[in-house]
Amino acid sequence: MLNAMPEAMSREKPEDFRNVRTSRLVLRPAEEGDLDELHRLYADPVVWGPDPISRHETPTQTAALIQRCRDAWRLDGVGMWVARSAEAPTAGTLVGFGGCYLRHDVTWNLGFRLSPPFWGHGLAQEIVSAGVAAARAVRPGLPLTAYVLEGNERSQRAVERTGLHLVWRGPDAGNPDPRAVRLLYADRALDAALIDLLTAD
């Protein structure tokens, strides 16, 4: 359920979602020390293959991503987490990066990127559920959205399992491939002006 706090989720402080423990993961904001591992994740062609515009060619791009996420936590109270395994024998291993971030100050956008060895185990759902719970606690009135490139069936299935439904299909703005099609999912109907804003960049 989108409104539910994940059963196994806990926080260090009632008002602070920065450090979260789910059933199988430890979630926290990215730090400078995560740069090398996150860059390897975003530079992995297996990971960015379905979404080539998200590829990181240099560590500078990854450093900028980390800074944007740190800014989001500071300004909005919710952002993306580094996800690490909490279970033996992989405890401490980078599982991925994901959560929820504020977009245009009008929606919470869900996102996730997992390392291939951790695909297919429901961990994306664990990250997204924690992100939804945090977003709902901080600004519960905002819609939840997610973007997926058409053809990225793995991500489509993960988003649809959260309860979001397709509200728009059209060109992927900013994508160098003119054939790329973006799918916009949401937890509710969105008016035309809001869809235009969310799909313009």
Foldseek 3Di string as FASTA:
>chain_A
DLQDQQPQWDDPDPLALQWIDHPWKTWHQDDPVCLVVQLCQLQDCVQCVQPVVSHDPDSVVVVVVSVVQVVQCVPQVAGKIFIATCDPPRGRPGFWIWAWGQDPVAAIETDITGDVVNPPPCVSVRRHSSRSNRCCVRPVVHKYKYKDKPPPVSVVVSVVVSVWDWADKAAQPPDPPRVIIMTMTINDHDDPVVVCVVRND
